[in-house]
Amino acid sequence: MFEYPLPHPEPPVEFEEILLTEAVIQKRVKELGEQVSKDYQEKDLHLVALLKGALVFLADFSRALQIQVTLDFMVVSSYISAKSSGEARILKDLELPIKGRHVLVVEDIIDNGVTLQAIMETLKLRKPASIKICTLLDKSEARKIPVKPDYNGFTVPNKFLIGYGLDFEEKYRNFPYVAVLKKEAYESH
């Protein structure tokens, strides 16, 4: 049997600092859930999560909602190792139709905006009643394309972030906080 809260490993030496603690994240996720619940109280809300990074945020966020929702997922890739390819590719598309539905795209982080803009353009062609963006992290300093979230957990610095769903080469997603990865850890790859 698990004991809650689960113990978490010490931060690895390749972490420069913990930027957002588990408690700070959970408090903000609850606030986002309350706001979205209020805004969509009488609407058919359909959450579209961008995997893999948004999975942890989606799990906590969807439980913080006080309204009924449906969920679907897309897998989109624009990264090769630590660098953005500048091109978004849909690897897994939605299973449910979104025509006439209120769609909220759930994202872990918005940085350069390339991936999210491509996704938003694709989804708008499917004629939802409305479409908005909810992100846990907004790295606005890194923006190349003007994408603005409708709901934002935190504005973060233009650093390499990992934890709480964010990864480097598929590692570190399971940490319950957001940390900064040391430059030497990702530049050596």
Protein backbone atom coordinates (compact mmCIF):
# COMPACT_ATOMS: atom_id res chain seq x y z
CA MET A 1 0.00 0.00 0.00
CA PHE A 2 1.19 3.51 -0.80
CA GLU A 3 1.61 6.11 1.91
CA TYR A 4 0.58 9.59 0.83
CA PRO A 5 2.17 11.90 0.08
CA LEU A 6 4.64 9.68 -1.68
CA PRO A 7 8.29 10.36 -0.88
CA HIS A 8 10.16 11.93 -3.78
CA PRO A 9 13.79 11.47 -4.64
CA GLU A 10 16.29 14.18 -3.91
CA PRO A 11 16.81 16.56 -6.85
CA PRO A 12 19.52 15.21 -9.15
CA VAL A 13 22.83 17.08 -9.31
CA GLU A 14 21.99 18.21 -12.85
CA PHE A 15 19.18 20.40 -11.48
CA GLU A 16 20.26 24.02 -11.07
CA GLU A 17 17.30 25.00 -8.88
CA ILE A 18 13.70 24.15 -8.10
CA LEU A 19 11.71 26.94 -9.71
CA LEU A 20 8.19 25.97 -8.61
CA THR A 21 7.55 23.68 -5.66
CA GLU A 22 4.88 21.01 -5.59
CA ALA A 23 2.78 23.04 -3.12
CA VAL A 24 2.94 26.20 -5.25
CA ILE A 25 1.95 24.26 -8.38
CA GLN A 26 -0.95 22.49 -6.68
CA LYS A 27 -2.32 25.76 -5.30
CA ARG A 28 -2.24 27.39 -8.73
CA VAL A 29 -3.74 24.35 -10.48
CA LYS A 30 -6.65 24.49 -8.02
CA GLU A 31 -7.14 28.21 -8.79
CA LEU A 32 -7.11 27.50 -12.54
CA GLY A 33 -9.66 24.72 -12.04
CA GLU A 34 -11.96 27.06 -10.14
CA GLN A 35 -11.70 29.79 -12.79
CA VAL A 36 -12.28 27.45 -15.74
CA SER A 37 -15.20 25.80 -13.91
CA LYS A 38 -16.80 29.21 -13.43
CA ASP A 39 -16.18 30.28 -17.04
CA TYR A 40 -17.57 27.05 -18.54
CA GLN A 41 -20.32 26.37 -15.99
CA GLU A 42 -23.13 25.91 -18.52
CA LYS A 43 -21.01 24.68 -21.44
CA ASP A 44 -19.96 21.35 -22.88
CA LEU A 45 -16.21 21.57 -22.20
CA HIS A 46 -13.86 19.29 -24.09
CA LEU A 47 -10.23 19.19 -22.92
CA VAL A 48 -7.57 18.44 -25.52
CA ALA A 49 -4.22 17.63 -23.93
CA LEU A 50 -0.96 17.70 -25.84
CA LEU A 51 1.05 14.65 -24.86
CA LYS A 52 3.32 13.68 -23.35
CA GLY A 53 4.19 16.83 -21.44
CA ALA A 54 0.67 17.91 -20.48
CA LEU A 55 -0.28 14.55 -18.93
CA VAL A 56 0.71 15.42 -15.35
CA PHE A 57 -0.89 18.87 -15.50
CA LEU A 58 -4.04 17.46 -17.14
CA ALA A 59 -4.47 14.86 -14.40
CA ASP A 60 -4.32 17.44 -11.61
CA PHE A 61 -6.19 20.15 -13.54
CA SER A 62 -9.08 17.92 -14.59
CA ARG A 63 -9.58 16.82 -10.96
CA ALA A 64 -9.60 20.49 -9.91
CA LEU A 65 -12.53 21.20 -12.24
CA GLN A 66 -15.99 21.29 -10.69
CA ILE A 67 -17.80 20.64 -13.97
CA GLN A 68 -18.24 17.66 -16.27
CA VAL A 69 -15.69 17.48 -19.08
CA THR A 70 -14.62 15.11 -21.81
CA LEU A 71 -10.98 14.43 -22.60
CA ASP A 72 -8.98 13.73 -25.71
CA PHE A 73 -5.33 13.72 -26.63
CA MET A 74 -2.95 14.70 -29.39
CA VAL A 75 0.69 13.79 -29.69
CA VAL A 76 2.64 16.50 -31.43
CA SER A 77 6.37 16.71 -31.94
CA SER A 78 8.53 19.71 -32.69
CA TYR A 79 11.63 18.79 -30.73
CA ILE A 80 14.68 16.78 -31.58
CA SER A 81 16.57 16.35 -28.31
CA ALA A 82 16.96 19.79 -26.68
CA LYS A 83 16.40 21.85 -29.84
CA SER A 84 13.14 22.77 -31.57
CA SER A 85 12.91 21.63 -35.18
CA GLY A 86 10.67 24.63 -35.92
CA GLU A 87 8.04 22.32 -37.42
CA ALA A 88 5.11 20.69 -35.65
CA ARG A 89 4.14 17.14 -36.63
CA ILE A 90 0.93 15.45 -35.47
CA LEU A 91 1.85 11.92 -34.41
CA LYS A 92 -1.56 11.07 -32.87
CA ASP A 93 -4.75 12.92 -33.70
CA LEU A 94 -7.97 13.34 -31.74
CA GLU A 95 -10.37 10.43 -31.48
CA LEU A 96 -13.50 12.50 -30.77
CA PRO A 97 -15.04 15.16 -33.04
CA ILE A 98 -14.90 18.75 -31.76
CA LYS A 99 -17.35 20.42 -34.15
CA GLY A 100 -19.69 22.66 -32.14
CA ARG A 101 -17.93 21.95 -28.85
CA HIS A 102 -16.11 24.27 -26.48
CA VAL A 103 -12.48 23.18 -26.64
CA LEU A 104 -9.77 23.98 -24.12
CA VAL A 105 -6.29 22.98 -25.25
CA VAL A 106 -4.28 21.93 -22.19
CA GLU A 107 -0.54 22.43 -22.53
CA ASP A 108 2.36 22.03 -20.13
CA ILE A 109 4.46 24.90 -21.49
CA ILE A 110 4.30 27.45 -24.28
CA ASP A 111 7.72 28.57 -25.40
CA ASN A 112 8.36 29.55 -29.03
CA GLY A 113 4.68 29.12 -30.00
CA VAL A 114 5.36 27.12 -33.19
CA THR A 115 3.72 23.89 -32.03
CA LEU A 116 0.72 25.53 -30.42
CA GLN A 117 -0.01 27.79 -33.39
CA ALA A 118 -0.01 24.78 -35.73
CA ILE A 119 -2.33 22.87 -33.39
CA MET A 120 -4.70 25.81 -32.99
CA GLU A 121 -4.93 26.30 -36.77
CA THR A 122 -5.64 22.60 -37.25
CA LEU A 123 -8.32 22.51 -34.56
CA LYS A 124 -10.04 25.71 -35.76
CA LEU A 125 -10.59 24.05 -39.14
CA ARG A 126 -12.74 21.48 -37.35
CA LYS A 127 -15.25 24.21 -36.37
CA PRO A 128 -15.45 24.09 -32.57
CA ALA A 129 -17.92 26.45 -30.87
CA SER A 130 -14.92 28.05 -29.16
CA ILE A 131 -11.28 27.24 -28.61
CA LYS A 132 -9.00 28.51 -25.87
CA ILE A 133 -5.63 27.63 -24.35
CA CYS A 134 -4.76 26.69 -20.77
CA THR A 135 -1.07 26.29 -20.00
CA LEU A 136 0.72 25.59 -16.79
CA LEU A 137 3.83 27.51 -17.88
CA ASP A 138 4.25 30.46 -20.24
CA LYS A 139 7.82 31.10 -21.35
CA SER A 140 6.88 34.34 -23.15
CA GLU A 141 10.52 35.50 -23.49
CA ALA A 142 11.10 32.64 -25.95
CA ARG A 143 8.08 33.41 -28.14
CA LYS A 144 8.69 33.52 -31.90
CA ILE A 145 5.02 33.38 -32.84
CA PRO A 146 2.46 35.51 -30.95
CA VAL A 147 0.44 32.85 -29.11
CA LYS A 148 -1.22 33.99 -25.90
CA PRO A 149 -2.81 31.61 -23.39
CA ASP A 150 -6.30 32.35 -22.10
CA TYR A 151 -5.41 30.67 -18.80
CA ASN A 152 -1.86 30.70 -17.51
CA GLY A 153 -0.46 29.08 -14.41
CA PHE A 154 2.93 30.79 -14.27
CA THR A 155 5.10 33.04 -16.43
CA VAL A 156 8.57 31.49 -16.31
CA PRO A 157 12.07 32.54 -17.38
CA ASN A 158 13.64 31.42 -20.65
CA LYS A 159 15.51 28.49 -19.10
CA PHE A 160 15.48 24.74 -19.75
CA LEU A 161 12.73 23.49 -17.44
CA ILE A 162 12.02 19.91 -16.40
CA GLY A 163 9.70 18.11 -13.99
CA TYR A 164 5.91 18.00 -13.59
CA GLY A 165 5.58 16.53 -17.08
CA LEU A 166 8.46 18.43 -18.69
CA ASP A 167 11.33 16.29 -19.85
CA PHE A 168 14.81 16.14 -21.26
CA GLU A 169 15.21 13.09 -23.47
CA GLU A 170 12.13 11.54 -21.79
CA LYS A 171 13.60 11.82 -18.27
CA TYR A 172 12.47 13.89 -15.25
CA ARG A 173 8.72 14.02 -16.10
CA ASN A 174 7.81 12.32 -12.83
CA PHE A 175 9.25 14.95 -10.48
CA PRO A 176 6.41 16.80 -8.67
CA TYR A 177 7.96 20.23 -9.11
CA VAL A 178 9.42 22.35 -11.95
CA ALA A 179 13.19 22.68 -11.92
CA VAL A 180 15.86 24.30 -14.06
CA LEU A 181 18.23 21.89 -15.77
CA LYS A 182 21.89 22.91 -15.68
CA LYS A 183 23.20 24.03 -19.05
CA GLU A 184 26.02 21.49 -19.06
CA ALA A 185 23.47 18.66 -18.67
CA TYR A 186 21.72 19.37 -21.97
CA GLU A 187 24.52 20.96 -24.00
CA SER A 188 26.62 17.81 -23.78
CA HIS A 189 23.97 15.94 -25.84
